[in-house]
Each structure stands twice: as structure tokens, then as C-alpha cells.
Amino acid sequence: LLYLGYIASSPQELCTAFSVPMIQLHHHLWQTTALPTNRFIDGISNYINNQCHSPLFSHAHHGKKAQHNLHKPFTYAVDLFQ
């Protein structure tokens, strides 16, 4: 994945990966504006969901779809990047 420009959120179980440029963007914004990671992910998620006809959903639990929560996987990917 790294060769293709992505960092996985978990080395053991691959289910979510983030692009290196997006992690670098977060890093630069965090350094210059003190932008919290959760607000960065909220902004990115809102942008993506407004651009797509179908929002991101996580795997169905008990037959129910839920909004995909990227906060924890992104935090793990940022930690791996650093």
C-alpha cells in the first residue's frame, strides 16, 4: 500500500487506508492552525458525502447501516506515519 501512496490504519487487519498526501495535509494544518484531528475528519467526511451520491457507510451490524466513523482509523494511520 505504501508503494501506491497509502497508509493502512492497522498493520494486522486491512479495512481502511488513507492517502499519504491527505495525512501530510492534516499534519501541515495541525502544525499551523492547531486543527484537531476529529474536526479535520468531520470536514473531510462532510465534503466527501456532499460530493458523492451515496455517503460512506460501515459494515452492517445487525442489518443496520451506520455512518462510517473514520476518527479512530485516521488517528492510527497518522500515528503510523509519524
PDB file of N, CA and C in Angstrom:
ATOM      1  N   LEU A   1       0.810  -1.199   0.000  1.00  0.00           N
ATOM      2  CA  LEU A   1       0.000   0.000   0.000  1.00  0.00           C
ATOM      3  C   LEU A   1       0.854   1.265   0.000  1.00  0.00           C
ATOM      4  N   LEU A   2       1.911   1.250   0.774  1.00  0.00           N
ATOM      5  CA  LEU A   2       2.769   2.434   0.856  1.00  0.00           C
ATOM      6  C   LEU A   2       3.374   2.763  -0.511  1.00  0.00           C
ATOM      7  N   TYR A   3       3.717   1.735  -1.276  1.00  0.00           N
ATOM      8  CA  TYR A   3       4.245   1.938  -2.619  1.00  0.00           C
ATOM      9  C   TYR A   3       3.228   2.674  -3.492  1.00  0.00           C
ATOM     10  N   LEU A   4       1.942   2.425  -3.252  1.00  0.00           N
ATOM     11  CA  LEU A   4       0.873   3.074  -4.009  1.00  0.00           C
ATOM     12  C   LEU A   4       0.461   4.424  -3.421  1.00  0.00           C
ATOM     13  N   GLY A   5       1.056   4.800  -2.287  1.00  0.00           N
ATOM     14  CA  GLY A   5       0.778   6.102  -1.701  1.00  0.00           C
ATOM     15  C   GLY A   5      -0.280   6.105  -0.620  1.00  0.00           C
ATOM     16  N   TYR A   6      -0.489   4.954   0.013  1.00  0.00           N
ATOM     17  CA  TYR A   6      -1.499   4.841   1.064  1.00  0.00           C
ATOM     18  C   TYR A   6      -0.893   4.262   2.333  1.00  0.00           C
ATOM     19  N   ILE A   7      -1.475   4.626   3.471  1.00  0.00           N
ATOM     20  CA  ILE A   7      -1.080   4.058   4.757  1.00  0.00           C
ATOM     21  C   ILE A   7      -2.303   3.399   5.362  1.00  0.00           C
ATOM     22  N   ALA A   8      -2.160   2.144   5.730  1.00  0.00           N
ATOM     23  CA  ALA A   8      -3.263   1.424   6.365  1.00  0.00           C
ATOM     24  C   ALA A   8      -3.419   1.890   7.802  1.00  0.00           C
ATOM     25  N   SER A   9      -4.646   1.792   8.299  1.00  0.00           N
ATOM     26  CA  SER A   9      -4.881   2.210   9.686  1.00  0.00           C
ATOM     27  C   SER A   9      -4.494   1.134  10.680  1.00  0.00           C
ATOM     28  N   SER A  10      -4.309  -0.102  10.198  1.00  0.00           N
ATOM     29  CA  SER A  10      -3.920  -1.197  11.084  1.00  0.00           C
ATOM     30  C   SER A  10      -2.992  -2.142  10.337  1.00  0.00           C
ATOM     31  N   PRO A  11      -1.865  -2.505  10.934  1.00  0.00           N
ATOM     32  CA  PRO A  11      -0.970  -3.438  10.255  1.00  0.00           C
ATOM     33  C   PRO A  11      -1.496  -4.870  10.238  1.00  0.00           C
ATOM     34  N   GLN A  12      -2.387  -5.211  11.168  1.00  0.00           N
ATOM     35  CA  GLN A  12      -2.890  -6.584  11.240  1.00  0.00           C
ATOM     36  C   GLN A  12      -4.125  -6.810  10.377  1.00  0.00           C
ATOM     37  N   GLU A  13      -5.023  -5.846  10.331  1.00  0.00           N
ATOM     38  CA  GLU A  13      -6.309  -6.040   9.669  1.00  0.00           C
ATOM     39  C   GLU A  13      -6.565  -4.871   8.725  1.00  0.00           C
ATOM     40  N   LEU A  14      -6.449  -5.118   7.423  1.00  0.00           N
ATOM     41  CA  LEU A  14      -6.614  -4.052   6.446  1.00  0.00           C
ATOM     42  C   LEU A  14      -8.089  -3.868   6.109  1.00  0.00           C
ATOM     43  N   CYS A  15      -8.637  -2.741   6.511  1.00  0.00           N
ATOM     44  CA  CYS A  15     -10.007  -2.421   6.105  1.00  0.00           C
ATOM     45  C   CYS A  15     -10.122  -0.950   5.711  1.00  0.00           C
ATOM     46  N   THR A  16      -9.219  -0.108   6.170  1.00  0.00           N
ATOM     47  CA  THR A  16      -9.245   1.316   5.829  1.00  0.00           C
ATOM     48  C   THR A  16      -7.813   1.793   5.613  1.00  0.00           C
ATOM     49  N   ALA A  17      -7.620   2.559   4.538  1.00  0.00           N
ATOM     50  CA  ALA A  17      -6.312   3.149   4.262  1.00  0.00           C
ATOM     51  C   ALA A  17      -6.517   4.604   3.868  1.00  0.00           C
ATOM     52  N   PHE A  18      -5.512   5.420   4.112  1.00  0.00           N
ATOM     53  CA  PHE A  18      -5.582   6.847   3.815  1.00  0.00           C
ATOM     54  C   PHE A  18      -4.401   7.228   2.944  1.00  0.00           C
ATOM     55  N   SER A  19      -4.613   8.186   2.038  1.00  0.00           N
ATOM     56  CA  SER A  19      -3.529   8.603   1.154  1.00  0.00           C
ATOM     57  C   SER A  19      -2.489   9.398   1.940  1.00  0.00           C
ATOM     58  N   VAL A  20      -1.242   9.226   1.547  1.00  0.00           N
ATOM     59  CA  VAL A  20      -0.148   9.951   2.193  1.00  0.00           C
ATOM     60  C   VAL A  20      -0.339  11.461   2.038  1.00  0.00           C
ATOM     61  N   PRO A  21      -0.747  11.982   0.855  1.00  0.00           N
ATOM     62  CA  PRO A  21      -0.965  13.429   0.759  1.00  0.00           C
ATOM     63  C   PRO A  21      -2.042  13.948   1.723  1.00  0.00           C
ATOM     64  N   MET A  22      -3.086  13.167   1.985  1.00  0.00           N
ATOM     65  CA  MET A  22      -4.106  13.614   2.929  1.00  0.00           C
ATOM     66  C   MET A  22      -3.547  13.666   4.347  1.00  0.00           C
ATOM     67  N   ILE A  23      -2.730  12.692   4.712  1.00  0.00           N
ATOM     68  CA  ILE A  23      -2.113  12.701   6.042  1.00  0.00           C
ATOM     69  C   ILE A  23      -1.126  13.863   6.147  1.00  0.00           C
ATOM     70  N   GLN A  24      -0.405  14.146   5.070  1.00  0.00           N
ATOM     71  CA  GLN A  24       0.510  15.290   5.071  1.00  0.00           C
ATOM     72  C   GLN A  24      -0.258  16.606   5.187  1.00  0.00           C
ATOM     73  N   LEU A  25      -1.405  16.713   4.496  1.00  0.00           N
ATOM     74  CA  LEU A  25      -2.241  17.910   4.611  1.00  0.00           C
ATOM     75  C   LEU A  25      -2.688  18.106   6.053  1.00  0.00           C
ATOM     76  N   HIS A  26      -3.149  17.037   6.683  1.00  0.00           N
ATOM     77  CA  HIS A  26      -3.562  17.123   8.086  1.00  0.00           C
ATOM     78  C   HIS A  26      -2.390  17.581   8.954  1.00  0.00           C
ATOM     79  N   HIS A  27      -1.219  17.018   8.713  1.00  0.00           N
ATOM     80  CA  HIS A  27      -0.042  17.361   9.514  1.00  0.00           C
ATOM     81  C   HIS A  27       0.289  18.856   9.400  1.00  0.00           C
ATOM     82  N   HIS A  28       0.284  19.383   8.166  1.00  0.00           N
ATOM     83  CA  HIS A  28       0.605  20.798   7.968  1.00  0.00           C
ATOM     84  C   HIS A  28      -0.466  21.706   8.578  1.00  0.00           C
ATOM     85  N   LEU A  29      -1.734  21.334   8.423  1.00  0.00           N
ATOM     86  CA  LEU A  29      -2.802  22.130   9.040  1.00  0.00           C
ATOM     87  C   LEU A  29      -2.710  22.077  10.559  1.00  0.00           C
ATOM     88  N   TRP A  30      -2.400  20.906  11.084  1.00  0.00           N
ATOM     89  CA  TRP A  30      -2.289  20.748  12.531  1.00  0.00           C
ATOM     90  C   TRP A  30      -1.146  21.602  13.079  1.00  0.00           C
ATOM     91  N   GLN A  31      -0.026  21.644  12.348  1.00  0.00           N
ATOM     92  CA  GLN A  31       1.123  22.436  12.800  1.00  0.00           C
ATOM     93  C   GLN A  31       0.860  23.938  12.750  1.00  0.00           C
ATOM     94  N   THR A  32       0.138  24.388  11.740  1.00  0.00           N
ATOM     95  CA  THR A  32      -0.025  25.831  11.561  1.00  0.00           C
ATOM     96  C   THR A  32      -1.304  26.400  12.161  1.00  0.00           C
ATOM     97  N   THR A  33      -2.322  25.568  12.369  1.00  0.00           N
ATOM     98  CA  THR A  33      -3.601  26.106  12.836  1.00  0.00           C
ATOM     99  C   THR A  33      -4.131  25.432  14.088  1.00  0.00           C
ATOM    100  N   ALA A  34      -3.461  24.434  14.595  1.00  0.00           N
ATOM    101  CA  ALA A  34      -3.938  23.668  15.753  1.00  0.00           C
ATOM    102  C   ALA A  34      -5.301  23.041  15.477  1.00  0.00           C
ATOM    103  N   LEU A  35      -5.487  22.548  14.252  1.00  0.00           N
ATOM    104  CA  LEU A  35      -6.730  21.894  13.857  1.00  0.00           C
ATOM    105  C   LEU A  35      -6.795  20.505  14.476  1.00  0.00           C
ATOM    106  N   PRO A  36      -7.799  20.234  15.312  1.00  0.00           N
ATOM    107  CA  PRO A  36      -7.905  18.898  15.916  1.00  0.00           C
ATOM    108  C   PRO A  36      -8.215  17.837  14.858  1.00  0.00           C
ATOM    109  N   THR A  37      -7.714  16.644  15.069  1.00  0.00           N
ATOM    110  CA  THR A  37      -7.912  15.554  14.119  1.00  0.00           C
ATOM    111  C   THR A  37      -9.384  15.262  13.902  1.00  0.00           C
ATOM    112  N   ASN A  38     -10.181  15.266  14.965  1.00  0.00           N
ATOM    113  CA  ASN A  38     -11.599  14.938  14.793  1.00  0.00           C
ATOM    114  C   ASN A  38     -12.310  15.975  13.924  1.00  0.00           C
ATOM    115  N   ARG A  39     -11.932  17.241  14.012  1.00  0.00           N
ATOM    116  CA  ARG A  39     -12.548  18.271  13.165  1.00  0.00           C
ATOM    117  C   ARG A  39     -12.089  18.127  11.715  1.00  0.00           C
ATOM    118  N   PHE A  40     -10.842  17.748  11.512  1.00  0.00           N
ATOM    119  CA  PHE A  40     -10.336  17.513  10.160  1.00  0.00           C
ATOM    120  C   PHE A  40     -11.120  16.384   9.504  1.00  0.00           C
ATOM    121  N   ILE A  41     -11.318  15.283  10.228  1.00  0.00           N
ATOM    122  CA  ILE A  41     -12.062  14.143   9.688  1.00  0.00           C
ATOM    123  C   ILE A  41     -13.521  14.521   9.449  1.00  0.00           C
ATOM    124  N   ASP A  42     -14.130  15.277  10.359  1.00  0.00           N
ATOM    125  CA  ASP A  42     -15.515  15.726  10.153  1.00  0.00           C
ATOM    126  C   ASP A  42     -15.629  16.542   8.868  1.00  0.00           C
ATOM    127  N   GLY A  43     -14.682  17.445   8.649  1.00  0.00           N
ATOM    128  CA  GLY A  43     -14.698  18.267   7.443  1.00  0.00           C
ATOM    129  C   GLY A  43     -14.505  17.452   6.178  1.00  0.00           C
ATOM    130  N   ILE A  44     -13.541  16.540   6.194  1.00  0.00           N
ATOM    131  CA  ILE A  44     -13.301  15.678   5.031  1.00  0.00           C
ATOM    132  C   ILE A  44     -14.520  14.800   4.760  1.00  0.00           C
ATOM    133  N   SER A  45     -15.100  14.215   5.800  1.00  0.00           N
ATOM    134  CA  SER A  45     -16.276  13.346   5.640  1.00  0.00           C
ATOM    135  C   SER A  45     -17.457  14.122   5.073  1.00  0.00           C
ATOM    136  N   ASN A  46     -17.708  15.317   5.592  1.00  0.00           N
ATOM    137  CA  ASN A  46     -18.802  16.140   5.066  1.00  0.00           C
ATOM    138  C   ASN A  46     -18.572  16.493   3.606  1.00  0.00           C
ATOM    139  N   TYR A  47     -17.339  16.834   3.264  1.00  0.00           N
ATOM    140  CA  TYR A  47     -17.018  17.164   1.880  1.00  0.00           C
ATOM    141  C   TYR A  47     -17.260  15.966   0.962  1.00  0.00           C
ATOM    142  N   ILE A  48     -16.746  14.804   1.353  1.00  0.00           N
ATOM    143  CA  ILE A  48     -16.910  13.601   0.527  1.00  0.00           C
ATOM    144  C   ILE A  48     -18.381  13.238   0.388  1.00  0.00           C
ATOM    145  N   ASN A  49     -19.129  13.267   1.484  1.00  0.00           N
ATOM    146  CA  ASN A  49     -20.543  12.905   1.436  1.00  0.00           C
ATOM    147  C   ASN A  49     -21.354  13.886   0.597  1.00  0.00           C
ATOM    148  N   ASN A  50     -20.964  15.155   0.557  1.00  0.00           N
ATOM    149  CA  ASN A  50     -21.659  16.128  -0.286  1.00  0.00           C
ATOM    150  C   ASN A  50     -21.304  15.965  -1.758  1.00  0.00           C
ATOM    151  N   GLN A  51     -20.132  15.418  -2.060  1.00  0.00           N
ATOM    152  CA  GLN A  51     -19.703  15.219  -3.441  1.00  0.00           C
ATOM    153  C   GLN A  51     -20.235  13.921  -4.041  1.00  0.00           C
ATOM    154  N   CYS A  52     -20.520  12.943  -3.193  1.00  0.00           N
ATOM    155  CA  CYS A  52     -20.959  11.622  -3.653  1.00  0.00           C
ATOM    156  C   CYS A  52     -22.476  11.512  -3.567  1.00  0.00           C
ATOM    157  N   HIS A  53     -23.025  10.681  -4.445  1.00  0.00           N
ATOM    158  CA  HIS A  53     -24.468  10.434  -4.390  1.00  0.00           C
ATOM    159  C   HIS A  53     -24.833   9.493  -3.258  1.00  0.00           C
ATOM    160  N   SER A  54     -23.885   8.680  -2.843  1.00  0.00           N
ATOM    161  CA  SER A  54     -24.146   7.769  -1.721  1.00  0.00           C
ATOM    162  C   SER A  54     -23.065   7.978  -0.664  1.00  0.00           C
ATOM    163  N   PRO A  55     -23.454   8.302   0.569  1.00  0.00           N
ATOM    164  CA  PRO A  55     -22.469   8.533   1.628  1.00  0.00           C
ATOM    165  C   PRO A  55     -21.737   7.257   2.022  1.00  0.00           C
ATOM    166  N   LEU A  56     -20.614   7.421   2.703  1.00  0.00           N
ATOM    167  CA  LEU A  56     -19.843   6.279   3.182  1.00  0.00           C
ATOM    168  C   LEU A  56     -20.566   5.607   4.338  1.00  0.00           C
ATOM    169  N   PHE A  57     -20.692   4.289   4.261  1.00  0.00           N
ATOM    170  CA  PHE A  57     -21.285   3.530   5.355  1.00  0.00           C
ATOM    171  C   PHE A  57     -20.320   2.443   5.782  1.00  0.00           C
ATOM    172  N   SER A  58     -20.361   2.091   7.045  1.00  0.00           N
ATOM    173  CA  SER A  58     -19.535   0.994   7.540  1.00  0.00           C
ATOM    174  C   SER A  58     -20.271  -0.314   7.296  1.00  0.00           C
ATOM    175  N   HIS A  59     -19.626  -1.426   7.656  1.00  0.00           N
ATOM    176  CA  HIS A  59     -20.259  -2.729   7.520  1.00  0.00           C
ATOM    177  C   HIS A  59     -21.536  -2.760   8.340  1.00  0.00           C
ATOM    178  N   ALA A  60     -22.543  -3.456   7.830  1.00  0.00           N
ATOM    179  CA  ALA A  60     -23.826  -3.534   8.537  1.00  0.00           C
ATOM    180  C   ALA A  60     -23.690  -4.367   9.807  1.00  0.00           C
ATOM    181  N   HIS A  61     -24.177  -3.834  10.895  1.00  0.00           N
ATOM    182  CA  HIS A  61     -24.223  -4.558  12.161  1.00  0.00           C
ATOM    183  C   HIS A  61     -25.685  -4.835  12.472  1.00  0.00           C
ATOM    184  N   HIS A  62     -26.024  -6.095  12.574  1.00  0.00           N
ATOM    185  CA  HIS A  62     -27.400  -6.500  12.854  1.00  0.00           C
ATOM    186  C   HIS A  62     -28.357  -5.944  11.800  1.00  0.00           C
ATOM    187  N   GLY A  63     -27.909  -5.892  10.544  1.00  0.00           N
ATOM    188  CA  GLY A  63     -28.755  -5.436   9.453  1.00  0.00           C
ATOM    189  C   GLY A  63     -28.917  -3.928   9.351  1.00  0.00           C
ATOM    190  N   LYS A  64     -28.231  -3.165  10.188  1.00  0.00           N
ATOM    191  CA  LYS A  64     -28.355  -1.706  10.171  1.00  0.00           C
ATOM    192  C   LYS A  64     -27.086  -1.085   9.592  1.00  0.00           C
ATOM    193  N   LYS A  65     -27.269  -0.144   8.680  1.00  0.00           N
ATOM    194  CA  LYS A  65     -26.130   0.607   8.156  1.00  0.00           C
ATOM    195  C   LYS A  65     -25.851   1.780   9.085  1.00  0.00           C
ATOM    196  N   ALA A  66     -24.586   2.092   9.260  1.00  0.00           N
ATOM    197  CA  ALA A  66     -24.200   3.221  10.105  1.00  0.00           C
ATOM    198  C   ALA A  66     -23.181   4.071   9.355  1.00  0.00           C
ATOM    199  N   GLN A  67     -23.182   5.367   9.630  1.00  0.00           N
ATOM    200  CA  GLN A  67     -22.165   6.239   9.053  1.00  0.00           C
ATOM    201  C   GLN A  67     -20.793   5.711   9.445  1.00  0.00           C
ATOM    202  N   HIS A  68     -19.898   5.702   8.487  1.00  0.00           N
ATOM    203  CA  HIS A  68     -18.555   5.196   8.743  1.00  0.00           C
ATOM    204  C   HIS A  68     -17.801   6.192   9.614  1.00  0.00           C
ATOM    205  N   ASN A  69     -17.299   5.732  10.741  1.00  0.00           N
ATOM    206  CA  ASN A  69     -16.550   6.584  11.659  1.00  0.00           C
ATOM    207  C   ASN A  69     -15.059   6.433  11.353  1.00  0.00           C
ATOM    208  N   LEU A  70     -14.461   7.475  10.823  1.00  0.00           N
ATOM    209  CA  LEU A  70     -13.057   7.428  10.408  1.00  0.00           C
ATOM    210  C   LEU A  70     -12.103   8.008  11.436  1.00  0.00           C
ATOM    211  N   HIS A  71     -12.615   8.471  12.577  1.00  0.00           N
ATOM    212  CA  HIS A  71     -11.758   9.127  13.564  1.00  0.00           C
ATOM    213  C   HIS A  71     -10.649   8.206  14.075  1.00  0.00           C
ATOM    214  N   LYS A  72     -11.010   7.035  14.538  1.00  0.00           N
ATOM    215  CA  LYS A  72     -10.015   6.125  15.118  1.00  0.00           C
ATOM    216  C   LYS A  72      -9.058   5.585  14.052  1.00  0.00           C
ATOM    217  N   PRO A  73      -9.558   5.092  12.885  1.00  0.00           N
ATOM    218  CA  PRO A  73      -8.612   4.612  11.870  1.00  0.00           C
ATOM    219  C   PRO A  73      -7.654   5.697  11.377  1.00  0.00           C
ATOM    220  N   PHE A  74      -8.150   6.934  11.224  1.00  0.00           N
ATOM    221  CA  PHE A  74      -7.267   8.006  10.766  1.00  0.00           C
ATOM    222  C   PHE A  74      -6.199   8.316  11.807  1.00  0.00           C
ATOM    223  N   THR A  75      -6.588   8.324  13.070  1.00  0.00           N
ATOM    224  CA  THR A  75      -5.622   8.562  14.145  1.00  0.00           C
ATOM    225  C   THR A  75      -4.534   7.500  14.134  1.00  0.00           C
ATOM    226  N   TYR A  76      -4.916   6.236  13.923  1.00  0.00           N
ATOM    227  CA  TYR A  76      -3.924   5.157  13.847  1.00  0.00           C
ATOM    228  C   TYR A  76      -2.992   5.355  12.651  1.00  0.00           C
ATOM    229  N   ALA A  77      -3.554   5.743  11.500  1.00  0.00           N
ATOM    230  CA  ALA A  77      -2.730   5.956  10.307  1.00  0.00           C
ATOM    231  C   ALA A  77      -1.760   7.119  10.515  1.00  0.00           C
ATOM    232  N   VAL A  78      -2.217   8.187  11.163  1.00  0.00           N
ATOM    233  CA  VAL A  78      -1.338   9.326  11.461  1.00  0.00           C
ATOM    234  C   VAL A  78      -0.211   8.882  12.386  1.00  0.00           C
ATOM    235  N   ASP A  79      -0.534   8.074  13.386  1.00  0.00           N
ATOM    236  CA  ASP A  79       0.499   7.566  14.301  1.00  0.00           C
ATOM    237  C   ASP A  79       1.526   6.721  13.551  1.00  0.00           C
ATOM    238  N   LEU A  80       1.066   5.881  12.620  1.00  0.00           N
ATOM    239  CA  LEU A  80       1.995   5.065  11.828  1.00  0.00           C
ATOM    240  C   LEU A  80       2.858   5.947  10.928  1.00  0.00           C
ATOM    241  N   PHE A  81       2.279   7.006  10.404  1.00  0.00           N
ATOM    242  CA  PHE A  81       3.008   7.916   9.517  1.00  0.00           C
ATOM    243  C   PHE A  81       4.124   8.640  10.259  1.00  0.00           C
ATOM    244  N   GLN A  82       3.846   9.011  11.504  1.00  0.00           N
ATOM    245  CA  GLN A  82       4.837   9.757  12.266  1.00  0.00           C
ATOM    246  C   GLN A  82       5.895   8.819  12.764  1.00  0.00           C
TER     247      GLN A  82
END
